[in-house]
């Protein structure tokens, strides 16, 4: 069985089909861990519990590209709710009385913005590191900030845009190092250390980075 904690769902217990054990006993063994994890997501969980209206942001900050916009909600006759940057505002327009539609519009905008920010940044970091990768994509990954396939495809979480620039760069260097060494052996850490002398410090900072992702952006 697997235990996870998410801002939206709280504690989730996944039991394999046909498993005859006692899940309550295992949950009890992990009570201290679950309590700490639930405490970390308590604020976001409360927002999800309050409903879509409570999740709507009045401002969006993207530290990865040093960008920030106030959010303005404009009612229009459009059949589709959309979000785009107009001047110095992030404007959500359409049936803005529908909070769920507004959130979906904001998340679609986030997908586009994340690709526009992260893919060129990865290309620049790779050029500086003199490492070539086969391809790259930005996805709404819930469990990983990034990954690198054996074929050299790097996948990045769209939520990286909510992290400071130095951590985005550190994550990208980590995945680029996997182009040379796929595992996490001593050789990998030597390669990464040459690319990023503060790799271990950055790795420690990344452990708590999920708190920087606003609740509205969560899948």
C-alpha atoms as a PDB file:
ATOM      1  CA  UNK A   1       0.000   0.000   0.000  1.00  0.00           C
ATOM      2  CA  UNK A   2       1.024   3.596  -0.498  1.00  0.00           C
ATOM      3  CA  UNK A   3       0.377   6.699   1.622  1.00  0.00           C
ATOM      4  CA  UNK A   4       0.470  10.162   0.088  1.00  0.00           C
ATOM      5  CA  UNK A   5      -0.569  13.601   1.262  1.00  0.00           C
ATOM      6  CA  UNK A   6      -1.815  16.230  -1.177  1.00  0.00           C
ATOM      7  CA  UNK A   7      -3.180  19.736  -0.579  1.00  0.00           C
ATOM      8  CA  UNK A   8      -6.416  18.856  -2.337  1.00  0.00           C
ATOM      9  CA  UNK A   9      -7.156  15.411  -0.876  1.00  0.00           C
ATOM     10  CA  UNK A  10      -5.283  15.349   2.415  1.00  0.00           C
ATOM     11  CA  UNK A  11      -4.138  11.857   3.408  1.00  0.00           C
ATOM     12  CA  UNK A  12      -4.670   9.305   0.629  1.00  0.00           C
ATOM     13  CA  UNK A  13      -4.237   5.568   1.266  1.00  0.00           C
ATOM     14  CA  UNK A  14      -3.862   3.395  -1.832  1.00  0.00           C
ATOM     15  CA  UNK A  15      -4.430  -0.309  -1.218  1.00  0.00           C
ATOM     16  CA  UNK A  16      -3.471  -2.887  -3.895  1.00  0.00           C
ATOM     17  CA  UNK A  17      -6.337  -4.876  -5.355  1.00  0.00           C
ATOM     18  CA  UNK A  18      -6.779  -8.159  -3.522  1.00  0.00           C
ATOM     19  CA  UNK A  19      -4.573  -7.120  -0.587  1.00  0.00           C
ATOM     20  CA  UNK A  20      -5.826  -8.693   2.656  1.00  0.00           C
ATOM     21  CA  UNK A  21      -3.769  -6.745   5.198  1.00  0.00           C
ATOM     22  CA  UNK A  22      -5.010  -4.193   7.708  1.00  0.00           C
ATOM     23  CA  UNK A  23      -4.487  -0.671   6.298  1.00  0.00           C
ATOM     24  CA  UNK A  24      -5.367   0.927   9.634  1.00  0.00           C
ATOM     25  CA  UNK A  25      -2.413  -0.754  11.306  1.00  0.00           C
ATOM     26  CA  UNK A  26       0.018   0.591   8.711  1.00  0.00           C
ATOM     27  CA  UNK A  27      -1.510   4.065   8.851  1.00  0.00           C
ATOM     28  CA  UNK A  28      -1.085   3.988  12.618  1.00  0.00           C
ATOM     29  CA  UNK A  29       2.612   3.161  12.178  1.00  0.00           C
ATOM     30  CA  UNK A  30       2.988   6.192   9.897  1.00  0.00           C
ATOM     31  CA  UNK A  31       0.945   8.528  12.095  1.00  0.00           C
ATOM     32  CA  UNK A  32       3.839  10.824  12.987  1.00  0.00           C
ATOM     33  CA  UNK A  33       4.844  11.193   9.315  1.00  0.00           C
ATOM     34  CA  UNK A  34       1.228  11.751   8.234  1.00  0.00           C
ATOM     35  CA  UNK A  35       0.680  14.395  10.904  1.00  0.00           C
ATOM     36  CA  UNK A  36       3.769  16.343   9.815  1.00  0.00           C
ATOM     37  CA  UNK A  37       2.811  16.074   6.141  1.00  0.00           C
ATOM     38  CA  UNK A  38      -0.772  17.183   6.808  1.00  0.00           C
ATOM     39  CA  UNK A  39       0.483  20.145   8.818  1.00  0.00           C
ATOM     40  CA  UNK A  40       2.635  21.276   5.868  1.00  0.00           C
ATOM     41  CA  UNK A  41      -0.360  21.384   3.517  1.00  0.00           C
ATOM     42  CA  UNK A  42      -2.964  22.549   6.055  1.00  0.00           C
ATOM     43  CA  UNK A  43      -3.334  26.070   4.633  1.00  0.00           C
ATOM     44  CA  UNK A  44      -3.776  24.873   1.054  1.00  0.00           C
ATOM     45  CA  UNK A  45      -6.072  22.062   2.138  1.00  0.00           C
ATOM     46  CA  UNK A  46      -8.327  24.589   3.871  1.00  0.00           C
ATOM     47  CA  UNK A  47      -8.577  26.568   0.620  1.00  0.00           C
ATOM     48  CA  UNK A  48      -9.569  23.483  -1.352  1.00  0.00           C
ATOM     49  CA  UNK A  49     -12.138  22.599   1.288  1.00  0.00           C
ATOM     50  CA  UNK A  50     -13.626  26.112   1.048  1.00  0.00           C
ATOM     51  CA  UNK A  51     -14.355  25.650  -2.668  1.00  0.00           C
ATOM     52  CA  UNK A  52     -13.195  27.135  -6.003  1.00  0.00           C
ATOM     53  CA  UNK A  53     -13.991  30.743  -5.071  1.00  0.00           C
ATOM     54  CA  UNK A  54     -11.471  30.614  -2.235  1.00  0.00           C
ATOM     55  CA  UNK A  55      -8.735  29.492  -4.656  1.00  0.00           C
ATOM     56  CA  UNK A  56      -9.004  32.397  -7.106  1.00  0.00           C
ATOM     57  CA  UNK A  57      -5.851  34.548  -6.860  1.00  0.00           C
ATOM     58  CA  UNK A  58      -5.798  38.343  -6.884  1.00  0.00           C
ATOM     59  CA  UNK A  59      -2.143  38.315  -7.917  1.00  0.00           C
ATOM     60  CA  UNK A  60       0.166  35.885  -9.698  1.00  0.00           C
ATOM     61  CA  UNK A  61       3.922  35.911  -9.061  1.00  0.00           C
ATOM     62  CA  UNK A  62       6.391  33.886 -11.131  1.00  0.00           C
ATOM     63  CA  UNK A  63       9.806  34.195  -9.427  1.00  0.00           C
ATOM     64  CA  UNK A  64      11.467  32.008 -12.067  1.00  0.00           C
ATOM     65  CA  UNK A  65      11.215  34.863 -14.562  1.00  0.00           C
ATOM     66  CA  UNK A  66      10.875  37.767 -12.105  1.00  0.00           C
ATOM     67  CA  UNK A  67       7.321  38.487 -13.317  1.00  0.00           C
ATOM     68  CA  UNK A  68       4.243  39.541 -11.372  1.00  0.00           C
ATOM     69  CA  UNK A  69       0.736  40.606 -12.351  1.00  0.00           C
ATOM     70  CA  UNK A  70      -2.408  41.679 -10.500  1.00  0.00           C
ATOM     71  CA  UNK A  71      -5.336  39.518 -11.645  1.00  0.00           C
ATOM     72  CA  UNK A  72      -8.468  41.201 -12.965  1.00  0.00           C
ATOM     73  CA  UNK A  73     -11.723  39.312 -13.605  1.00  0.00           C
ATOM     74  CA  UNK A  74     -13.859  40.749 -16.424  1.00  0.00           C
ATOM     75  CA  UNK A  75     -17.326  39.531 -17.340  1.00  0.00           C
ATOM     76  CA  UNK A  76     -17.814  39.200 -21.118  1.00  0.00           C
ATOM     77  CA  UNK A  77     -20.199  37.383 -23.478  1.00  0.00           C
ATOM     78  CA  UNK A  78     -17.493  34.953 -24.576  1.00  0.00           C
ATOM     79  CA  UNK A  79     -18.552  31.307 -24.500  1.00  0.00           C
ATOM     80  CA  UNK A  80     -15.118  30.337 -23.179  1.00  0.00           C
ATOM     81  CA  UNK A  81     -13.396  31.751 -20.140  1.00  0.00           C
ATOM     82  CA  UNK A  82      -9.803  32.691 -20.914  1.00  0.00           C
ATOM     83  CA  UNK A  83      -6.756  34.280 -19.283  1.00  0.00           C
ATOM     84  CA  UNK A  84      -4.045  36.420 -20.857  1.00  0.00           C
ATOM     85  CA  UNK A  85      -1.673  39.233 -19.981  1.00  0.00           C
ATOM     86  CA  UNK A  86      -2.885  42.648 -21.112  1.00  0.00           C
ATOM     87  CA  UNK A  87      -0.545  45.470 -20.265  1.00  0.00           C
ATOM     88  CA  UNK A  88       0.373  45.084 -16.632  1.00  0.00           C
ATOM     89  CA  UNK A  89      -2.592  42.848 -15.779  1.00  0.00           C
ATOM     90  CA  UNK A  90      -3.400  39.162 -15.978  1.00  0.00           C
ATOM     91  CA  UNK A  91      -6.967  39.371 -17.231  1.00  0.00           C
ATOM     92  CA  UNK A  92      -9.457  36.528 -16.834  1.00  0.00           C
ATOM     93  CA  UNK A  93     -12.472  37.144 -19.053  1.00  0.00           C
ATOM     94  CA  UNK A  94     -15.718  35.341 -19.841  1.00  0.00           C
ATOM     95  CA  UNK A  95     -18.189  33.921 -17.336  1.00  0.00           C
ATOM     96  CA  UNK A  96     -16.115  34.924 -14.344  1.00  0.00           C
ATOM     97  CA  UNK A  97     -18.977  34.106 -11.971  1.00  0.00           C
ATOM     98  CA  UNK A  98     -17.973  30.479 -12.553  1.00  0.00           C
ATOM     99  CA  UNK A  99     -14.933  30.089 -10.302  1.00  0.00           C
ATOM    100  CA  UNK A 100     -14.080  26.632 -11.644  1.00  0.00           C
ATOM    101  CA  UNK A 101     -13.992  27.977 -15.211  1.00  0.00           C
ATOM    102  CA  UNK A 102     -11.706  30.805 -14.067  1.00  0.00           C
ATOM    103  CA  UNK A 103      -9.334  28.343 -12.423  1.00  0.00           C
ATOM    104  CA  UNK A 104      -9.190  26.214 -15.558  1.00  0.00           C
ATOM    105  CA  UNK A 105      -8.466  29.328 -17.631  1.00  0.00           C
ATOM    106  CA  UNK A 106      -5.659  30.315 -15.278  1.00  0.00           C
ATOM    107  CA  UNK A 107      -4.176  26.827 -15.419  1.00  0.00           C
ATOM    108  CA  UNK A 108      -4.272  26.807 -19.231  1.00  0.00           C
ATOM    109  CA  UNK A 109      -2.496  30.164 -19.188  1.00  0.00           C
ATOM    110  CA  UNK A 110       0.039  28.742 -16.725  1.00  0.00           C
ATOM    111  CA  UNK A 111       0.748  25.850 -19.101  1.00  0.00           C
ATOM    112  CA  UNK A 112       1.521  28.285 -21.923  1.00  0.00           C
ATOM    113  CA  UNK A 113       3.556  30.648 -19.754  1.00  0.00           C
ATOM    114  CA  UNK A 114       5.578  27.820 -18.217  1.00  0.00           C
ATOM    115  CA  UNK A 115       6.564  26.517 -21.650  1.00  0.00           C
ATOM    116  CA  UNK A 116       7.508  30.014 -22.785  1.00  0.00           C
ATOM    117  CA  UNK A 117       9.713  30.503 -19.714  1.00  0.00           C
ATOM    118  CA  UNK A 118      11.180  27.091 -18.969  1.00  0.00           C
ATOM    119  CA  UNK A 119      12.082  25.708 -22.403  1.00  0.00           C
ATOM    120  CA  UNK A 120      14.314  28.657 -23.415  1.00  0.00           C
ATOM    121  CA  UNK A 121      15.843  28.668 -19.932  1.00  0.00           C
ATOM    122  CA  UNK A 122      16.705  24.973 -20.201  1.00  0.00           C
ATOM    123  CA  UNK A 123      18.277  25.557 -23.608  1.00  0.00           C
ATOM    124  CA  UNK A 124      20.422  28.352 -22.203  1.00  0.00           C
ATOM    125  CA  UNK A 125      21.491  26.341 -19.137  1.00  0.00           C
ATOM    126  CA  UNK A 126      22.350  23.343 -21.330  1.00  0.00           C
ATOM    127  CA  UNK A 127      24.421  25.531 -23.641  1.00  0.00           C
ATOM    128  CA  UNK A 128      26.371  26.938 -20.691  1.00  0.00           C
ATOM    129  CA  UNK A 129      26.949  23.420 -19.353  1.00  0.00           C
ATOM    130  CA  UNK A 130      27.898  22.150 -22.853  1.00  0.00           C
ATOM    131  CA  UNK A 131      25.379  19.288 -22.612  1.00  0.00           C
ATOM    132  CA  UNK A 132      23.016  18.334 -25.414  1.00  0.00           C
ATOM    133  CA  UNK A 133      19.602  16.776 -24.772  1.00  0.00           C
ATOM    134  CA  UNK A 134      17.313  15.159 -27.332  1.00  0.00           C
ATOM    135  CA  UNK A 135      14.104  17.035 -26.545  1.00  0.00           C
ATOM    136  CA  UNK A 136      12.277  18.782 -23.728  1.00  0.00           C
ATOM    137  CA  UNK A 137       8.704  19.213 -22.577  1.00  0.00           C
ATOM    138  CA  UNK A 138       6.809  20.951 -19.813  1.00  0.00           C
ATOM    139  CA  UNK A 139       4.027  19.024 -18.134  1.00  0.00           C
ATOM    140  CA  UNK A 140       1.712  19.254 -15.171  1.00  0.00           C
ATOM    141  CA  UNK A 141       3.731  16.757 -13.141  1.00  0.00           C
ATOM    142  CA  UNK A 142       2.422  16.239  -9.624  1.00  0.00           C
ATOM    143  CA  UNK A 143       5.150  14.101  -8.096  1.00  0.00           C
ATOM    144  CA  UNK A 144       8.389  15.312  -9.710  1.00  0.00           C
ATOM    145  CA  UNK A 145       9.958  18.653 -10.511  1.00  0.00           C
ATOM    146  CA  UNK A 146      11.774  17.098 -13.427  1.00  0.00           C
ATOM    147  CA  UNK A 147      12.989  13.891 -15.021  1.00  0.00           C
ATOM    148  CA  UNK A 148      15.300  12.690 -17.782  1.00  0.00           C
ATOM    149  CA  UNK A 149      14.602   9.639 -19.923  1.00  0.00           C
ATOM    150  CA  UNK A 150      17.198   7.207 -21.227  1.00  0.00           C
ATOM    151  CA  UNK A 151      16.641   8.734 -24.678  1.00  0.00           C
ATOM    152  CA  UNK A 152      17.616  12.170 -23.451  1.00  0.00           C
ATOM    153  CA  UNK A 153      14.151  13.709 -23.132  1.00  0.00           C
ATOM    154  CA  UNK A 154      13.906  16.137 -20.221  1.00  0.00           C
ATOM    155  CA  UNK A 155      10.493  16.693 -18.662  1.00  0.00           C
ATOM    156  CA  UNK A 156       9.917  19.714 -16.427  1.00  0.00           C
ATOM    157  CA  UNK A 157       7.050  20.497 -14.083  1.00  0.00           C
ATOM    158  CA  UNK A 158       5.154  23.629 -15.052  1.00  0.00           C
ATOM    159  CA  UNK A 159       5.164  24.609 -11.362  1.00  0.00           C
ATOM    160  CA  UNK A 160       8.894  25.324 -11.533  1.00  0.00           C
ATOM    161  CA  UNK A 161       7.922  28.873 -12.533  1.00  0.00           C
ATOM    162  CA  UNK A 162       6.907  29.471  -8.906  1.00  0.00           C
ATOM    163  CA  UNK A 163      10.423  28.739  -7.656  1.00  0.00           C
ATOM    164  CA  UNK A 164      13.312  31.219  -7.457  1.00  0.00           C
ATOM    165  CA  UNK A 165      15.626  31.317 -10.438  1.00  0.00           C
ATOM    166  CA  UNK A 166      18.567  29.663  -8.694  1.00  0.00           C
ATOM    167  CA  UNK A 167      16.499  26.579  -7.812  1.00  0.00           C
ATOM    168  CA  UNK A 168      15.107  26.318 -11.340  1.00  0.00           C
ATOM    169  CA  UNK A 169      18.641  26.401 -12.683  1.00  0.00           C
ATOM    170  CA  UNK A 170      19.765  23.809 -10.100  1.00  0.00           C
ATOM    171  CA  UNK A 171      16.933  21.458 -11.050  1.00  0.00           C
ATOM    172  CA  UNK A 172      17.786  21.802 -14.725  1.00  0.00           C
ATOM    173  CA  UNK A 173      21.452  21.065 -14.085  1.00  0.00           C
ATOM    174  CA  UNK A 174      20.417  17.977 -12.113  1.00  0.00           C
ATOM    175  CA  UNK A 175      18.432  16.645 -15.070  1.00  0.00           C
ATOM    176  CA  UNK A 176      21.153  17.581 -17.549  1.00  0.00           C
ATOM    177  CA  UNK A 177      23.670  15.651 -15.454  1.00  0.00           C
ATOM    178  CA  UNK A 178      21.524  12.577 -16.059  1.00  0.00           C
ATOM    179  CA  UNK A 179      22.318  12.885 -19.755  1.00  0.00           C
ATOM    180  CA  UNK A 180      25.823  11.781 -18.771  1.00  0.00           C
ATOM    181  CA  UNK A 181      24.944   9.467 -15.852  1.00  0.00           C
ATOM    182  CA  UNK A 182      21.411   8.066 -15.597  1.00  0.00           C
ATOM    183  CA  UNK A 183      21.559   6.798 -12.019  1.00  0.00           C
ATOM    184  CA  UNK A 184      22.318   8.536  -8.720  1.00  0.00           C
ATOM    185  CA  UNK A 185      25.680   6.879  -8.196  1.00  0.00           C
ATOM    186  CA  UNK A 186      28.766   8.599  -6.820  1.00  0.00           C
ATOM    187  CA  UNK A 187      29.770   9.302 -10.414  1.00  0.00           C
ATOM    188  CA  UNK A 188      26.528  11.188 -10.982  1.00  0.00           C
ATOM    189  CA  UNK A 189      27.099  13.428  -7.958  1.00  0.00           C
ATOM    190  CA  UNK A 190      30.642  14.100  -9.140  1.00  0.00           C
ATOM    191  CA  UNK A 191      29.307  15.179 -12.538  1.00  0.00           C
ATOM    192  CA  UNK A 192      26.612  17.341 -10.970  1.00  0.00           C
ATOM    193  CA  UNK A 193      29.080  18.825  -8.487  1.00  0.00           C
ATOM    194  CA  UNK A 194      31.220  20.025 -11.357  1.00  0.00           C
ATOM    195  CA  UNK A 195      28.173  21.689 -12.931  1.00  0.00           C
ATOM    196  CA  UNK A 196      26.709  23.010  -9.684  1.00  0.00           C
ATOM    197  CA  UNK A 197      29.109  23.273  -6.716  1.00  0.00           C
ATOM    198  CA  UNK A 198      26.128  24.012  -4.410  1.00  0.00           C
ATOM    199  CA  UNK A 199      24.155  20.986  -5.602  1.00  0.00           C
ATOM    200  CA  UNK A 200      23.632  19.446  -2.164  1.00  0.00           C
ATOM    201  CA  UNK A 201      22.458  22.741  -0.682  1.00  0.00           C
ATOM    202  CA  UNK A 202      20.070  23.251  -3.588  1.00  0.00           C
ATOM    203  CA  UNK A 203      18.771  19.700  -3.191  1.00  0.00           C
ATOM    204  CA  UNK A 204      17.983  20.416   0.452  1.00  0.00           C
ATOM    205  CA  UNK A 205      16.132  23.614  -0.487  1.00  0.00           C
ATOM    206  CA  UNK A 206      14.066  21.747  -3.088  1.00  0.00           C
ATOM    207  CA  UNK A 207      12.624  19.440  -0.430  1.00  0.00           C
ATOM    208  CA  UNK A 208      10.416  22.222   0.883  1.00  0.00           C
ATOM    209  CA  UNK A 209       9.829  23.974  -2.425  1.00  0.00           C
ATOM    210  CA  UNK A 210       6.306  22.625  -2.944  1.00  0.00           C
ATOM    211  CA  UNK A 211       5.044  25.170  -0.417  1.00  0.00           C
ATOM    212  CA  UNK A 212       5.902  27.893  -2.950  1.00  0.00           C
ATOM    213  CA  UNK A 213       3.286  26.615  -5.415  1.00  0.00           C
ATOM    214  CA  UNK A 214      -0.031  28.451  -4.863  1.00  0.00           C
ATOM    215  CA  UNK A 215      -3.130  26.354  -4.277  1.00  0.00           C
ATOM    216  CA  UNK A 216      -4.867  27.545  -7.457  1.00  0.00           C
ATOM    217  CA  UNK A 217      -2.086  26.037  -9.570  1.00  0.00           C
ATOM    218  CA  UNK A 218      -2.401  22.575  -8.033  1.00  0.00           C
ATOM    219  CA  UNK A 219      -3.882  19.974 -10.365  1.00  0.00           C
END
